[in-house]
Amino acid sequence: QVQLVESGGGLVQAGGSLRLSCAASGRTFSDYTMGWFRQVPGKEREFVAVINWSGSRTYYADSVKGRFTISRMNAKNTVYLQMNSLEPEDTAVYYCAADDGGNGLPRRSNEYEYWGQGTQVTVSS
């Protein structure tokens, strides 16, 4: 079973930056497509970004495109989410997720089998 642990969340002012990390263990990391999601209490989990097994393909939600960058370092079993120009609307718990499926870039939470516990990101105005 794959275990995922997020880190790097915190409090930042609007316009600032944070970099989230997700460390994986248990199985071969490079076999998995990796995604980032976020969730506000009372709302469903929202897709943020996804990266394929090699890092050659990515896809972003329109709300974060141009501000966030997803990347991975397979040798370190880690996926990152660089968040720039943060806005109060970005406040949420951010989760990383792993999918061992095919060549696609899944955007639905139920397409991912493994999840981290989440890290809180709070952006003040």
N, C-alpha and C. Protein backbone atom coordinates (compact mmCIF):
# COMPACT_ATOMS: atom_id res chain seq x y z
N GLN A 1 0.83 -1.17 0.00
CA GLN A 1 0.00 0.00 0.00
C GLN A 1 0.89 1.25 0.00
N VAL A 2 0.51 2.23 -0.82
CA VAL A 2 1.26 3.47 -0.92
C VAL A 2 0.81 4.42 0.18
N GLN A 3 1.78 5.02 0.86
CA GLN A 3 1.49 6.04 1.85
C GLN A 3 2.01 7.39 1.35
N LEU A 4 1.20 8.43 1.53
CA LEU A 4 1.52 9.77 1.07
C LEU A 4 1.44 10.74 2.24
N VAL A 5 2.44 11.60 2.39
CA VAL A 5 2.48 12.56 3.48
C VAL A 5 2.78 13.94 2.90
N GLU A 6 1.85 14.88 3.09
CA GLU A 6 2.02 16.24 2.61
C GLU A 6 2.72 17.09 3.68
N SER A 7 3.41 18.13 3.21
CA SER A 7 4.02 19.10 4.10
C SER A 7 4.17 20.42 3.35
N GLY A 8 4.47 21.48 4.09
CA GLY A 8 4.74 22.78 3.49
C GLY A 8 3.63 23.79 3.59
N GLY A 9 2.48 23.40 4.12
CA GLY A 9 1.40 24.35 4.28
C GLY A 9 1.68 25.36 5.37
N GLY A 10 0.84 26.38 5.44
CA GLY A 10 1.01 27.40 6.46
C GLY A 10 0.20 28.63 6.14
N LEU A 11 0.53 29.71 6.82
CA LEU A 11 -0.15 30.99 6.67
C LEU A 11 0.72 31.92 5.84
N VAL A 12 0.12 32.54 4.83
CA VAL A 12 0.84 33.45 3.95
C VAL A 12 -0.10 34.58 3.55
N GLN A 13 0.47 35.76 3.31
CA GLN A 13 -0.32 36.89 2.86
C GLN A 13 -0.61 36.79 1.37
N ALA A 14 -1.69 37.41 0.95
CA ALA A 14 -2.04 37.45 -0.46
C ALA A 14 -0.87 37.99 -1.29
N GLY A 15 -0.62 37.33 -2.41
CA GLY A 15 0.50 37.67 -3.25
C GLY A 15 1.76 36.89 -2.96
N GLY A 16 1.78 36.17 -1.86
CA GLY A 16 2.94 35.39 -1.48
C GLY A 16 2.98 34.02 -2.12
N SER A 17 3.96 33.22 -1.70
CA SER A 17 4.19 31.91 -2.29
C SER A 17 4.39 30.85 -1.22
N LEU A 18 4.05 29.63 -1.57
CA LEU A 18 4.32 28.45 -0.77
C LEU A 18 4.66 27.30 -1.71
N ARG A 19 5.46 26.36 -1.22
CA ARG A 19 5.71 25.13 -1.95
C ARG A 19 5.31 23.95 -1.08
N LEU A 20 4.35 23.18 -1.58
CA LEU A 20 3.92 21.97 -0.90
C LEU A 20 4.71 20.78 -1.41
N SER A 21 4.96 19.83 -0.53
CA SER A 21 5.63 18.59 -0.88
C SER A 21 4.77 17.41 -0.48
N CYS A 22 4.90 16.32 -1.23
CA CYS A 22 4.21 15.09 -0.93
C CYS A 22 5.21 13.95 -1.07
N ALA A 23 5.54 13.31 0.03
CA ALA A 23 6.49 12.22 0.04
C ALA A 23 5.75 10.89 0.03
N ALA A 24 6.17 9.99 -0.86
CA ALA A 24 5.52 8.70 -1.03
C ALA A 24 6.42 7.57 -0.56
N SER A 25 5.80 6.51 -0.08
CA SER A 25 6.52 5.31 0.31
C SER A 25 5.63 4.10 0.10
N GLY A 26 6.24 2.92 0.03
CA GLY A 26 5.50 1.68 -0.04
C GLY A 26 5.59 0.94 -1.37
N ARG A 27 5.57 1.67 -2.48
CA ARG A 27 5.67 1.09 -3.81
C ARG A 27 6.47 2.01 -4.72
N THR A 28 6.75 1.53 -5.92
CA THR A 28 7.56 2.30 -6.86
C THR A 28 6.85 3.58 -7.25
N PHE A 29 7.40 4.72 -6.83
CA PHE A 29 6.76 6.01 -7.03
C PHE A 29 6.58 6.34 -8.50
N SER A 30 7.55 6.01 -9.33
CA SER A 30 7.50 6.40 -10.73
C SER A 30 6.40 5.69 -11.51
N ASP A 31 5.76 4.69 -10.95
CA ASP A 31 4.66 4.00 -11.61
C ASP A 31 3.34 4.76 -11.55
N TYR A 32 3.27 5.82 -10.76
CA TYR A 32 2.00 6.48 -10.45
C TYR A 32 1.88 7.85 -11.08
N THR A 33 0.68 8.13 -11.59
CA THR A 33 0.27 9.49 -11.85
C THR A 33 -0.06 10.17 -10.52
N MET A 34 0.36 11.41 -10.35
CA MET A 34 0.19 12.11 -9.08
C MET A 34 -0.63 13.37 -9.28
N GLY A 35 -1.56 13.60 -8.37
CA GLY A 35 -2.41 14.77 -8.44
C GLY A 35 -2.45 15.54 -7.14
N TRP A 36 -2.85 16.81 -7.24
CA TRP A 36 -3.14 17.65 -6.09
C TRP A 36 -4.60 18.07 -6.14
N PHE A 37 -5.25 18.00 -4.98
CA PHE A 37 -6.62 18.45 -4.80
C PHE A 37 -6.67 19.37 -3.59
N ARG A 38 -7.77 20.11 -3.47
CA ARG A 38 -7.97 20.94 -2.29
C ARG A 38 -9.43 20.89 -1.89
N GLN A 39 -9.68 21.17 -0.60
CA GLN A 39 -11.03 21.05 -0.08
C GLN A 39 -11.27 22.07 1.02
N VAL A 40 -12.42 22.73 0.93
CA VAL A 40 -12.91 23.65 1.95
C VAL A 40 -14.03 22.92 2.70
N PRO A 41 -14.12 23.07 4.02
CA PRO A 41 -15.20 22.39 4.75
C PRO A 41 -16.57 22.67 4.16
N GLY A 42 -17.35 21.62 3.99
CA GLY A 42 -18.68 21.74 3.44
C GLY A 42 -18.76 21.65 1.93
N LYS A 43 -17.61 21.58 1.25
CA LYS A 43 -17.59 21.49 -0.20
C LYS A 43 -16.85 20.22 -0.63
N GLU A 44 -17.11 19.80 -1.85
CA GLU A 44 -16.46 18.61 -2.36
C GLU A 44 -15.01 18.91 -2.71
N ARG A 45 -14.22 17.87 -2.76
CA ARG A 45 -12.81 18.02 -3.08
C ARG A 45 -12.63 18.50 -4.51
N GLU A 46 -11.77 19.50 -4.70
CA GLU A 46 -11.59 20.18 -5.97
C GLU A 46 -10.25 19.83 -6.59
N PHE A 47 -10.26 19.49 -7.87
CA PHE A 47 -9.04 19.22 -8.60
C PHE A 47 -8.19 20.47 -8.73
N VAL A 48 -6.88 20.32 -8.58
CA VAL A 48 -5.94 21.43 -8.71
C VAL A 48 -4.96 21.20 -9.86
N ALA A 49 -4.25 20.06 -9.84
CA ALA A 49 -3.22 19.80 -10.83
C ALA A 49 -2.90 18.32 -10.86
N VAL A 50 -2.33 17.85 -11.99
CA VAL A 50 -1.94 16.46 -12.14
C VAL A 50 -0.68 16.38 -12.98
N ILE A 51 0.13 15.36 -12.74
CA ILE A 51 1.36 15.15 -13.49
C ILE A 51 1.50 13.66 -13.77
N ASN A 52 1.95 13.31 -14.98
CA ASN A 52 2.07 11.91 -15.34
C ASN A 52 3.31 11.29 -14.72
N TRP A 53 3.51 10.00 -15.01
CA TRP A 53 4.55 9.23 -14.30
C TRP A 53 5.95 9.77 -14.54
N SER A 54 6.22 10.30 -15.72
CA SER A 54 7.56 10.77 -16.05
C SER A 54 7.75 12.26 -15.80
N GLY A 55 6.66 12.99 -15.57
CA GLY A 55 6.74 14.43 -15.42
C GLY A 55 6.65 15.20 -16.72
N SER A 56 6.43 14.51 -17.84
CA SER A 56 6.41 15.16 -19.14
C SER A 56 5.08 15.82 -19.48
N ARG A 57 4.01 15.47 -18.78
CA ARG A 57 2.70 16.05 -19.06
C ARG A 57 2.06 16.52 -17.76
N THR A 58 1.41 17.68 -17.83
CA THR A 58 0.70 18.25 -16.69
C THR A 58 -0.62 18.84 -17.15
N TYR A 59 -1.52 19.02 -16.19
CA TYR A 59 -2.79 19.69 -16.46
C TYR A 59 -3.22 20.41 -15.19
N TYR A 60 -3.81 21.61 -15.36
CA TYR A 60 -4.17 22.46 -14.22
C TYR A 60 -5.63 22.89 -14.29
N ALA A 61 -6.21 23.08 -13.13
CA ALA A 61 -7.51 23.72 -13.06
C ALA A 61 -7.38 25.17 -13.53
N ASP A 62 -8.44 25.68 -14.17
CA ASP A 62 -8.40 27.05 -14.67
C ASP A 62 -8.12 28.06 -13.56
N SER A 63 -8.59 27.78 -12.36
CA SER A 63 -8.46 28.72 -11.27
C SER A 63 -7.02 28.92 -10.80
N VAL A 64 -6.13 27.98 -11.12
CA VAL A 64 -4.74 28.08 -10.67
C VAL A 64 -3.75 28.17 -11.82
N LYS A 65 -4.21 28.03 -13.04
CA LYS A 65 -3.33 28.03 -14.21
C LYS A 65 -2.54 29.33 -14.29
N GLY A 66 -1.25 29.22 -14.48
CA GLY A 66 -0.38 30.38 -14.53
C GLY A 66 0.17 30.80 -13.20
N ARG A 67 -0.38 30.29 -12.10
CA ARG A 67 0.09 30.62 -10.76
C ARG A 67 0.73 29.44 -10.05
N PHE A 68 0.21 28.23 -10.29
CA PHE A 68 0.70 27.03 -9.63
C PHE A 68 1.48 26.18 -10.62
N THR A 69 2.47 25.44 -10.12
CA THR A 69 3.26 24.53 -10.93
C THR A 69 3.42 23.21 -10.19
N ILE A 70 3.04 22.11 -10.83
CA ILE A 70 3.24 20.79 -10.27
C ILE A 70 4.51 20.19 -10.88
N SER A 71 5.28 19.50 -10.07
CA SER A 71 6.50 18.85 -10.54
C SER A 71 6.76 17.62 -9.69
N ARG A 72 7.70 16.80 -10.13
CA ARG A 72 8.04 15.61 -9.36
C ARG A 72 9.51 15.28 -9.52
N MET A 73 10.05 14.63 -8.49
CA MET A 73 11.41 14.11 -8.51
C MET A 73 11.31 12.65 -8.09
N ASN A 74 11.29 11.78 -9.08
CA ASN A 74 11.05 10.37 -8.80
C ASN A 74 12.16 9.75 -7.95
N ALA A 75 13.39 10.23 -8.11
CA ALA A 75 14.49 9.71 -7.31
C ALA A 75 14.30 9.98 -5.82
N LYS A 76 13.51 11.01 -5.50
CA LYS A 76 13.22 11.35 -4.11
C LYS A 76 11.81 10.93 -3.69
N ASN A 77 11.08 10.26 -4.58
CA ASN A 77 9.71 9.82 -4.30
C ASN A 77 8.84 10.97 -3.83
N THR A 78 8.96 12.11 -4.49
CA THR A 78 8.29 13.32 -4.03
C THR A 78 7.65 14.08 -5.18
N VAL A 79 6.45 14.60 -4.95
CA VAL A 79 5.78 15.49 -5.87
C VAL A 79 5.60 16.84 -5.18
N TYR A 80 5.68 17.93 -5.95
CA TYR A 80 5.64 19.28 -5.40
C TYR A 80 4.50 20.07 -6.03
N LEU A 81 4.04 21.06 -5.30
CA LEU A 81 3.13 22.06 -5.84
C LEU A 81 3.65 23.43 -5.44
N GLN A 82 4.22 24.14 -6.41
CA GLN A 82 4.69 25.50 -6.20
C GLN A 82 3.52 26.44 -6.42
N MET A 83 3.18 27.24 -5.41
CA MET A 83 2.03 28.12 -5.46
C MET A 83 2.51 29.56 -5.35
N ASN A 84 2.30 30.33 -6.40
CA ASN A 84 2.68 31.73 -6.45
C ASN A 84 1.43 32.60 -6.56
N SER A 85 1.60 33.88 -6.27
CA SER A 85 0.50 34.85 -6.37
C SER A 85 -0.75 34.34 -5.66
N LEU A 86 -0.57 33.87 -4.44
CA LEU A 86 -1.67 33.26 -3.70
C LEU A 86 -2.76 34.28 -3.38
N GLU A 87 -3.98 33.81 -3.40
CA GLU A 87 -5.16 34.61 -3.13
C GLU A 87 -5.93 34.02 -1.96
N PRO A 88 -6.74 34.81 -1.25
CA PRO A 88 -7.54 34.25 -0.16
C PRO A 88 -8.42 33.09 -0.60
N GLU A 89 -8.85 33.10 -1.85
CA GLU A 89 -9.67 32.01 -2.38
C GLU A 89 -8.92 30.69 -2.49
N ASP A 90 -7.60 30.72 -2.37
CA ASP A 90 -6.81 29.49 -2.39
C ASP A 90 -6.78 28.80 -1.03
N THR A 91 -7.32 29.43 -0.01
CA THR A 91 -7.34 28.83 1.33
C THR A 91 -8.11 27.52 1.31
N ALA A 92 -7.46 26.45 1.77
CA ALA A 92 -8.07 25.12 1.77
C ALA A 92 -7.09 24.14 2.39
N VAL A 93 -7.56 22.92 2.62
CA VAL A 93 -6.68 21.81 2.91
C VAL A 93 -6.27 21.19 1.58
N TYR A 94 -4.98 21.05 1.36
CA TYR A 94 -4.46 20.52 0.11
C TYR A 94 -4.03 19.07 0.30
N TYR A 95 -4.45 18.22 -0.63
CA TYR A 95 -4.18 16.79 -0.57
C TYR A 95 -3.41 16.35 -1.82
N CYS A 96 -2.47 15.45 -1.66
CA CYS A 96 -1.89 14.78 -2.81
C CYS A 96 -2.51 13.40 -2.93
N ALA A 97 -2.50 12.87 -4.16
CA ALA A 97 -3.14 11.60 -4.44
C ALA A 97 -2.36 10.86 -5.52
N ALA A 98 -2.45 9.53 -5.52
CA ALA A 98 -1.75 8.68 -6.46
C ALA A 98 -2.72 7.78 -7.20
N ASP A 99 -2.47 7.61 -8.51
CA ASP A 99 -3.28 6.77 -9.37
C ASP A 99 -2.35 5.88 -10.19
N ASP A 100 -2.61 4.59 -10.21
CA ASP A 100 -1.79 3.65 -10.98
C ASP A 100 -2.40 3.27 -12.31
N GLY A 101 -3.30 4.09 -12.84
CA GLY A 101 -3.98 3.85 -14.09
C GLY A 101 -3.10 4.06 -15.30
N GLY A 102 -3.77 4.29 -16.45
CA GLY A 102 -3.10 4.35 -17.74
C GLY A 102 -2.42 5.67 -18.03
N ASN A 103 -2.55 6.09 -19.28
CA ASN A 103 -1.81 7.24 -19.78
C ASN A 103 -2.53 8.57 -19.63
N GLY A 104 -3.74 8.56 -19.11
CA GLY A 104 -4.51 9.78 -18.96
C GLY A 104 -4.05 10.62 -17.78
N LEU A 105 -4.68 11.80 -17.66
CA LEU A 105 -4.43 12.72 -16.55
C LEU A 105 -5.75 12.91 -15.82
N PRO A 106 -6.07 12.05 -14.86
CA PRO A 106 -7.39 12.09 -14.23
C PRO A 106 -7.60 13.36 -13.42
N ARG A 107 -8.85 13.84 -13.43
CA ARG A 107 -9.24 15.06 -12.74
C ARG A 107 -10.30 14.82 -11.68
N ARG A 108 -10.81 13.62 -11.57
CA ARG A 108 -11.85 13.31 -10.59
C ARG A 108 -11.23 12.62 -9.39
N SER A 109 -11.66 13.00 -8.21
CA SER A 109 -11.08 12.45 -7.00
C SER A 109 -11.27 10.94 -6.89
N ASN A 110 -12.39 10.42 -7.42
CA ASN A 110 -12.64 8.99 -7.30
C ASN A 110 -11.82 8.15 -8.26
N GLU A 111 -11.00 8.78 -9.10
CA GLU A 111 -10.06 8.06 -9.95
C GLU A 111 -8.73 7.80 -9.26
N TYR A 112 -8.53 8.35 -8.09
CA TYR A 112 -7.30 8.18 -7.34
C TYR A 112 -7.53 7.22 -6.18
N GLU A 113 -6.60 6.30 -6.01
CA GLU A 113 -6.76 5.26 -5.00
C GLU A 113 -6.10 5.61 -3.66
N TYR A 114 -5.00 6.36 -3.70
CA TYR A 114 -4.22 6.64 -2.50
C TYR A 114 -4.19 8.13 -2.22
N TRP A 115 -4.33 8.49 -0.94
CA TRP A 115 -4.42 9.89 -0.53
C TRP A 115 -3.57 10.16 0.70
N GLY A 116 -3.02 11.37 0.75
CA GLY A 116 -2.38 11.84 1.95
C GLY A 116 -3.39 12.40 2.94
N GLN A 117 -2.91 12.84 4.09
CA GLN A 117 -3.78 13.37 5.14
C GLN A 117 -4.11 14.84 4.97
N GLY A 118 -3.39 15.53 4.11
CA GLY A 118 -3.67 16.93 3.83
C GLY A 118 -2.80 17.88 4.62
N THR A 119 -2.61 19.08 4.08
CA THR A 119 -1.89 20.15 4.75
C THR A 119 -2.65 21.45 4.54
N GLN A 120 -2.80 22.22 5.61
CA GLN A 120 -3.61 23.44 5.58
C GLN A 120 -2.83 24.59 4.95
N VAL A 121 -3.47 25.27 4.01
CA VAL A 121 -2.95 26.50 3.42
C VAL A 121 -3.95 27.61 3.71
N THR A 122 -3.48 28.67 4.35
CA THR A 122 -4.33 29.81 4.67
C THR A 122 -3.70 31.07 4.10
N VAL A 123 -4.47 31.79 3.29
CA VAL A 123 -3.99 33.01 2.64
C VAL A 123 -4.79 34.18 3.19
N SER A 124 -4.12 35.12 3.82
CA SER A 124 -4.77 36.28 4.41
C SER A 124 -4.74 37.45 3.44
N SER A 125 -5.74 38.32 3.54
CA SER A 125 -5.83 39.48 2.68
C SER A 125 -5.17 40.69 3.31
